[in-house]
N, C-alpha and C. Protein backbone atom coordinates (compact mmCIF):
# COMPACT_ATOMS: atom_id res chain seq x y z
N THR A 1 -15.21 -6.02 -0.45
CA THR A 1 -14.42 -6.73 -1.44
C THR A 1 -13.16 -5.94 -1.76
N ALA A 2 -12.22 -6.60 -2.41
CA ALA A 2 -11.00 -5.91 -2.83
C ALA A 2 -11.34 -4.75 -3.75
N ARG A 3 -12.30 -4.96 -4.61
CA ARG A 3 -12.69 -3.92 -5.57
C ARG A 3 -13.23 -2.69 -4.85
N SER A 4 -14.13 -2.88 -3.91
CA SER A 4 -14.72 -1.72 -3.24
C SER A 4 -13.71 -1.02 -2.34
N LEU A 5 -12.87 -1.76 -1.67
CA LEU A 5 -11.84 -1.15 -0.83
C LEU A 5 -10.86 -0.35 -1.69
N ALA A 6 -10.46 -0.91 -2.82
CA ALA A 6 -9.55 -0.20 -3.73
C ALA A 6 -10.19 1.10 -4.20
N GLY A 7 -11.47 1.05 -4.51
CA GLY A 7 -12.17 2.26 -4.94
C GLY A 7 -12.21 3.30 -3.83
N THR A 8 -12.38 2.85 -2.62
CA THR A 8 -12.45 3.76 -1.48
C THR A 8 -11.16 4.55 -1.31
N ILE A 9 -10.02 3.90 -1.57
CA ILE A 9 -8.74 4.60 -1.39
C ILE A 9 -8.20 5.18 -2.69
N GLY A 10 -8.97 5.05 -3.78
CA GLY A 10 -8.55 5.64 -5.05
C GLY A 10 -7.55 4.82 -5.83
N ALA A 11 -7.44 3.55 -5.52
CA ALA A 11 -6.51 2.67 -6.24
C ALA A 11 -7.24 2.11 -7.46
N THR A 12 -7.33 2.93 -8.50
CA THR A 12 -8.17 2.58 -9.64
C THR A 12 -7.67 1.37 -10.43
N ARG A 13 -6.35 1.19 -10.50
CA ARG A 13 -5.83 0.02 -11.22
C ARG A 13 -6.20 -1.26 -10.48
N VAL A 14 -6.03 -1.27 -9.17
CA VAL A 14 -6.39 -2.43 -8.37
C VAL A 14 -7.89 -2.68 -8.50
N GLN A 15 -8.67 -1.63 -8.45
CA GLN A 15 -10.12 -1.74 -8.56
C GLN A 15 -10.51 -2.38 -9.90
N ALA A 16 -9.91 -1.93 -10.98
CA ALA A 16 -10.22 -2.47 -12.31
C ALA A 16 -9.80 -3.93 -12.42
N ASP A 17 -8.63 -4.26 -11.88
CA ASP A 17 -8.16 -5.63 -11.94
C ASP A 17 -9.02 -6.55 -11.08
N ALA A 18 -9.47 -6.08 -9.93
CA ALA A 18 -10.35 -6.87 -9.08
C ALA A 18 -11.69 -7.10 -9.77
N LEU A 19 -12.20 -6.09 -10.44
CA LEU A 19 -13.45 -6.24 -11.18
C LEU A 19 -13.29 -7.26 -12.30
N ALA A 20 -12.18 -7.21 -13.01
CA ALA A 20 -11.93 -8.16 -14.08
C ALA A 20 -11.89 -9.59 -13.55
N LEU A 21 -11.26 -9.79 -12.39
CA LEU A 21 -11.21 -11.11 -11.79
C LEU A 21 -12.60 -11.56 -11.35
N GLU A 22 -13.33 -10.66 -10.71
CA GLU A 22 -14.70 -10.99 -10.29
C GLU A 22 -15.54 -11.41 -11.50
N ASN A 23 -15.45 -10.64 -12.58
CA ASN A 23 -16.23 -10.94 -13.77
C ASN A 23 -15.82 -12.27 -14.40
N SER A 24 -14.53 -12.53 -14.44
CA SER A 24 -14.04 -13.79 -15.01
C SER A 24 -14.60 -14.98 -14.23
N CYS A 25 -14.61 -14.85 -12.92
CA CYS A 25 -15.14 -15.94 -12.09
C CYS A 25 -16.65 -16.06 -12.25
N ALA A 26 -17.34 -14.95 -12.21
CA ALA A 26 -18.80 -14.96 -12.32
C ALA A 26 -19.26 -15.53 -13.67
N GLN A 27 -18.49 -15.26 -14.70
CA GLN A 27 -18.84 -15.74 -16.04
C GLN A 27 -18.29 -17.13 -16.32
N ARG A 28 -17.66 -17.71 -15.30
CA ARG A 28 -17.07 -19.06 -15.41
C ARG A 28 -16.18 -19.19 -16.65
N ARG A 29 -15.28 -18.20 -16.75
CA ARG A 29 -14.33 -18.19 -17.86
C ARG A 29 -13.36 -19.36 -17.71
N PRO A 30 -12.63 -19.68 -18.75
CA PRO A 30 -11.65 -20.78 -18.66
C PRO A 30 -10.62 -20.50 -17.56
N PRO A 31 -10.12 -21.56 -16.94
CA PRO A 31 -9.15 -21.39 -15.85
C PRO A 31 -7.94 -20.52 -16.22
N ALA A 32 -7.46 -20.64 -17.44
CA ALA A 32 -6.30 -19.83 -17.85
C ALA A 32 -6.64 -18.35 -17.83
N GLU A 33 -7.84 -18.00 -18.22
CA GLU A 33 -8.26 -16.60 -18.22
C GLU A 33 -8.41 -16.09 -16.78
N ILE A 34 -8.97 -16.91 -15.92
CA ILE A 34 -9.10 -16.53 -14.51
C ILE A 34 -7.72 -16.36 -13.90
N GLN A 35 -6.80 -17.25 -14.23
CA GLN A 35 -5.43 -17.14 -13.72
C GLN A 35 -4.76 -15.85 -14.18
N ARG A 36 -4.97 -15.46 -15.43
CA ARG A 36 -4.39 -14.20 -15.92
C ARG A 36 -4.98 -13.01 -15.17
N ALA A 37 -6.29 -13.05 -14.93
CA ALA A 37 -6.93 -11.96 -14.18
C ALA A 37 -6.40 -11.91 -12.75
N HIS A 38 -6.21 -13.07 -12.16
CA HIS A 38 -5.66 -13.14 -10.80
C HIS A 38 -4.24 -12.58 -10.77
N GLN A 39 -3.44 -12.95 -11.75
CA GLN A 39 -2.06 -12.46 -11.83
C GLN A 39 -2.02 -10.95 -11.99
N ALA A 40 -2.91 -10.42 -12.81
CA ALA A 40 -2.96 -8.96 -13.00
C ALA A 40 -3.31 -8.26 -11.69
N LEU A 41 -4.27 -8.81 -10.95
CA LEU A 41 -4.63 -8.22 -9.66
C LEU A 41 -3.46 -8.30 -8.68
N GLU A 42 -2.80 -9.44 -8.65
CA GLU A 42 -1.65 -9.59 -7.76
C GLU A 42 -0.57 -8.56 -8.09
N GLU A 43 -0.30 -8.36 -9.35
CA GLU A 43 0.73 -7.39 -9.76
C GLU A 43 0.33 -5.97 -9.39
N SER A 44 -0.93 -5.62 -9.59
CA SER A 44 -1.34 -4.26 -9.25
C SER A 44 -1.34 -4.05 -7.74
N LEU A 45 -1.66 -5.09 -6.97
CA LEU A 45 -1.58 -4.98 -5.51
C LEU A 45 -0.13 -4.79 -5.06
N HIS A 46 0.78 -5.53 -5.65
CA HIS A 46 2.20 -5.37 -5.30
C HIS A 46 2.69 -3.96 -5.64
N ALA A 47 2.27 -3.44 -6.78
CA ALA A 47 2.66 -2.08 -7.17
C ALA A 47 2.11 -1.06 -6.17
N LEU A 48 0.88 -1.24 -5.75
CA LEU A 48 0.28 -0.34 -4.78
C LEU A 48 1.04 -0.39 -3.45
N ILE A 49 1.36 -1.59 -3.00
CA ILE A 49 2.11 -1.74 -1.75
C ILE A 49 3.46 -1.04 -1.85
N GLU A 50 4.13 -1.21 -2.98
CA GLU A 50 5.43 -0.54 -3.17
C GLU A 50 5.29 0.97 -3.11
N GLN A 51 4.18 1.51 -3.60
CA GLN A 51 3.95 2.96 -3.55
C GLN A 51 3.64 3.40 -2.12
N LEU A 52 2.96 2.56 -1.37
CA LEU A 52 2.53 2.94 -0.03
C LEU A 52 3.62 2.81 1.03
N LEU A 53 4.53 1.87 0.85
CA LEU A 53 5.55 1.62 1.88
C LEU A 53 6.34 2.86 2.28
N PRO A 54 6.86 3.65 1.34
CA PRO A 54 7.61 4.85 1.77
C PRO A 54 6.74 5.83 2.54
N GLN A 55 5.49 5.97 2.13
CA GLN A 55 4.59 6.88 2.83
C GLN A 55 4.28 6.39 4.23
N LEU A 56 4.11 5.08 4.37
CA LEU A 56 3.85 4.51 5.70
C LEU A 56 5.07 4.66 6.61
N ALA A 57 6.25 4.47 6.06
CA ALA A 57 7.47 4.63 6.84
C ALA A 57 7.62 6.08 7.29
N GLN A 58 7.31 7.00 6.41
CA GLN A 58 7.38 8.41 6.75
C GLN A 58 6.37 8.75 7.83
N ALA A 59 5.16 8.25 7.70
CA ALA A 59 4.13 8.52 8.71
C ALA A 59 4.51 7.91 10.05
N GLU A 60 5.12 6.74 10.02
CA GLU A 60 5.56 6.11 11.25
C GLU A 60 6.62 6.95 11.94
N GLY A 61 7.52 7.53 11.18
CA GLY A 61 8.55 8.39 11.73
C GLY A 61 7.98 9.65 12.36
N VAL A 62 6.94 10.17 11.77
CA VAL A 62 6.29 11.36 12.31
C VAL A 62 5.55 11.04 13.60
N LEU A 63 4.96 9.87 13.66
CA LEU A 63 4.18 9.50 14.84
C LEU A 63 5.05 9.04 16.00
N ALA A 64 6.28 8.65 15.72
CA ALA A 64 7.14 8.12 16.77
C ALA A 64 7.64 9.20 17.71
């Protein structure tokens, strides 16, 4: 799951947001609440990607 993968790489914000979304769905929360949890996860994933891109570019340069 997104939550377990995030935990594996130490992305604690993504992990927490994924857990919140999972819980909202499992508890059959109102659609607006599920949408907010989904939005939070999407934002934390985008932030993680933005942090990783420079490191990936650097690693690509080293491997080339």
